[in-house]
Amino acid sequence: MAIDTVALNAEKHKLIDARTRLLTGESVQSLSSNGRSVGYRGIDIASINARIAEIDNLLGLGGRHAIGVRAH
C-alpha cells in the first residue's frame, strides 16, 4: 500500500493549525481529513502531538531531534 504523502501532509498541517488554535485559546472540537475524523475534548495537545508524530513516522520524518549546541 502506497503512502499518500499529499494527504498526510495536509492532515499534518490541519493538526498543527488545530494545536495552535488550542494553545491560543480558540476552541476546536474535531478535525476531519481524508475520511478520518478525530475528536478532542478540551485541550488535548497530547493527542494532537501523537498524531503528528505518527504522520511524521509514516512520512519517514521520525526520529528527528533538535540539535543542541554546547558552549565551552
C-alpha atoms as a PDB file:
ATOM      1  CA  MET A   1       0.000   0.000   0.000  1.00  0.00           C
ATOM      2  CA  ALA A   2       1.477   3.331  -1.058  1.00  0.00           C
ATOM      3  CA  ILE A   3       1.677   6.241   1.353  1.00  0.00           C
ATOM      4  CA  ASP A   4      -0.403   9.234   0.258  1.00  0.00           C
ATOM      5  CA  THR A   5       2.125  11.900   1.223  1.00  0.00           C
ATOM      6  CA  VAL A   6      -0.053  14.750  -0.014  1.00  0.00           C
ATOM      7  CA  ALA A   7      -2.977  13.680   2.196  1.00  0.00           C
ATOM      8  CA  LEU A   8      -0.720  13.064   5.192  1.00  0.00           C
ATOM      9  CA  ASN A   9       0.957  16.453   4.821  1.00  0.00           C
ATOM     10  CA  ALA A  10      -2.466  18.114   4.527  1.00  0.00           C
ATOM     11  CA  GLU A  11      -3.644  16.353   7.688  1.00  0.00           C
ATOM     12  CA  LYS A  12      -0.444  17.326   9.489  1.00  0.00           C
ATOM     13  CA  HIS A  13      -0.928  20.994   8.588  1.00  0.00           C
ATOM     14  CA  LYS A  14      -4.525  20.842   9.857  1.00  0.00           C
ATOM     15  CA  LEU A  15      -3.344  19.267  13.109  1.00  0.00           C
ATOM     16  CA  ILE A  16      -0.660  21.920  13.561  1.00  0.00           C
ATOM     17  CA  ASP A  17      -3.319  24.587  12.967  1.00  0.00           C
ATOM     18  CA  ALA A  18      -5.636  22.905  15.498  1.00  0.00           C
ATOM     19  CA  ARG A  19      -2.815  22.723  18.044  1.00  0.00           C
ATOM     20  CA  THR A  20      -2.013  26.399  17.515  1.00  0.00           C
ATOM     21  CA  ARG A  21      -5.675  27.315  17.978  1.00  0.00           C
ATOM     22  CA  LEU A  22      -5.862  25.324  21.191  1.00  0.00           C
ATOM     23  CA  LEU A  23      -2.705  26.954  22.507  1.00  0.00           C
ATOM     24  CA  THR A  24      -4.048  30.409  21.692  1.00  0.00           C
ATOM     25  CA  GLY A  25      -7.398  29.726  23.365  1.00  0.00           C
ATOM     26  CA  GLU A  26      -9.563  29.088  20.322  1.00  0.00           C
ATOM     27  CA  SER A  27     -11.935  26.142  20.574  1.00  0.00           C
ATOM     28  CA  VAL A  28     -11.530  23.112  18.329  1.00  0.00           C
ATOM     29  CA  GLN A  29     -13.910  20.208  18.865  1.00  0.00           C
ATOM     30  CA  SER A  30     -12.987  17.913  15.997  1.00  0.00           C
ATOM     31  CA  LEU A  31     -10.817  17.598  12.936  1.00  0.00           C
ATOM     32  CA  SER A  32     -11.548  15.574   9.827  1.00  0.00           C
ATOM     33  CA  SER A  33      -9.322  14.881   6.885  1.00  0.00           C
ATOM     34  CA  ASN A  34      -9.228  12.248   4.203  1.00  0.00           C
ATOM     35  CA  GLY A  35     -12.295  10.446   5.565  1.00  0.00           C
ATOM     36  CA  ARG A  36     -10.769  10.272   9.032  1.00  0.00           C
ATOM     37  CA  SER A  37     -12.152  12.200  11.998  1.00  0.00           C
ATOM     38  CA  VAL A  38     -10.518  12.895  15.350  1.00  0.00           C
ATOM     39  CA  GLY A  39     -12.421  14.481  18.233  1.00  0.00           C
ATOM     40  CA  TYR A  40     -10.775  16.463  21.002  1.00  0.00           C
ATOM     41  CA  ARG A  41     -12.067  17.230  24.466  1.00  0.00           C
ATOM     42  CA  GLY A  42     -10.820  20.423  25.978  1.00  0.00           C
ATOM     43  CA  ILE A  43      -7.149  20.993  25.378  1.00  0.00           C
ATOM     44  CA  ASP A  44      -5.884  17.635  24.180  1.00  0.00           C
ATOM     45  CA  ILE A  45      -2.448  18.643  22.961  1.00  0.00           C
ATOM     46  CA  ALA A  46      -1.048  15.156  23.673  1.00  0.00           C
ATOM     47  CA  SER A  47      -3.420  13.511  21.176  1.00  0.00           C
ATOM     48  CA  ILE A  48      -2.621  16.087  18.525  1.00  0.00           C
ATOM     49  CA  ASN A  49       1.128  15.702  19.091  1.00  0.00           C
ATOM     50  CA  ALA A  50       0.803  11.907  18.981  1.00  0.00           C
ATOM     51  CA  ARG A  51      -0.952  12.021  15.597  1.00  0.00           C
ATOM     52  CA  ILE A  52       1.615  14.492  14.235  1.00  0.00           C
ATOM     53  CA  ALA A  53       4.394  12.121  15.360  1.00  0.00           C
ATOM     54  CA  GLU A  54       2.556   9.192  13.733  1.00  0.00           C
ATOM     55  CA  ILE A  55       2.289  11.104  10.450  1.00  0.00           C
ATOM     56  CA  ASP A  56       5.973  12.072  10.652  1.00  0.00           C
ATOM     57  CA  ASN A  57       6.874   8.395  11.082  1.00  0.00           C
ATOM     58  CA  LEU A  58       4.728   7.422   8.085  1.00  0.00           C
ATOM     59  CA  LEU A  59       6.459  10.125   6.046  1.00  0.00           C
ATOM     60  CA  GLY A  60       9.897   8.940   7.171  1.00  0.00           C
ATOM     61  CA  LEU A  61      10.483  12.027   9.300  1.00  0.00           C
ATOM     62  CA  GLY A  62      10.529  10.221  12.653  1.00  0.00           C
ATOM     63  CA  GLY A  63      13.481  10.394  14.959  1.00  0.00           C
ATOM     64  CA  ARG A  64      14.357  13.983  14.177  1.00  0.00           C
ATOM     65  CA  HIS A  65      15.502  15.851  17.240  1.00  0.00           C
ATOM     66  CA  ALA A  66      16.732  19.340  17.884  1.00  0.00           C
ATOM     67  CA  ILE A  67      20.494  19.668  17.771  1.00  0.00           C
ATOM     68  CA  GLY A  68      21.946  21.230  20.887  1.00  0.00           C
ATOM     69  CA  VAL A  69      24.956  23.476  20.792  1.00  0.00           C
ATOM     70  CA  ARG A  70      27.258  23.311  23.754  1.00  0.00           C
ATOM     71  CA  ALA A  71      29.417  26.332  24.567  1.00  0.00           C
ATOM     72  CA  HIS A  72      32.812  25.635  26.135  1.00  0.00           C
END
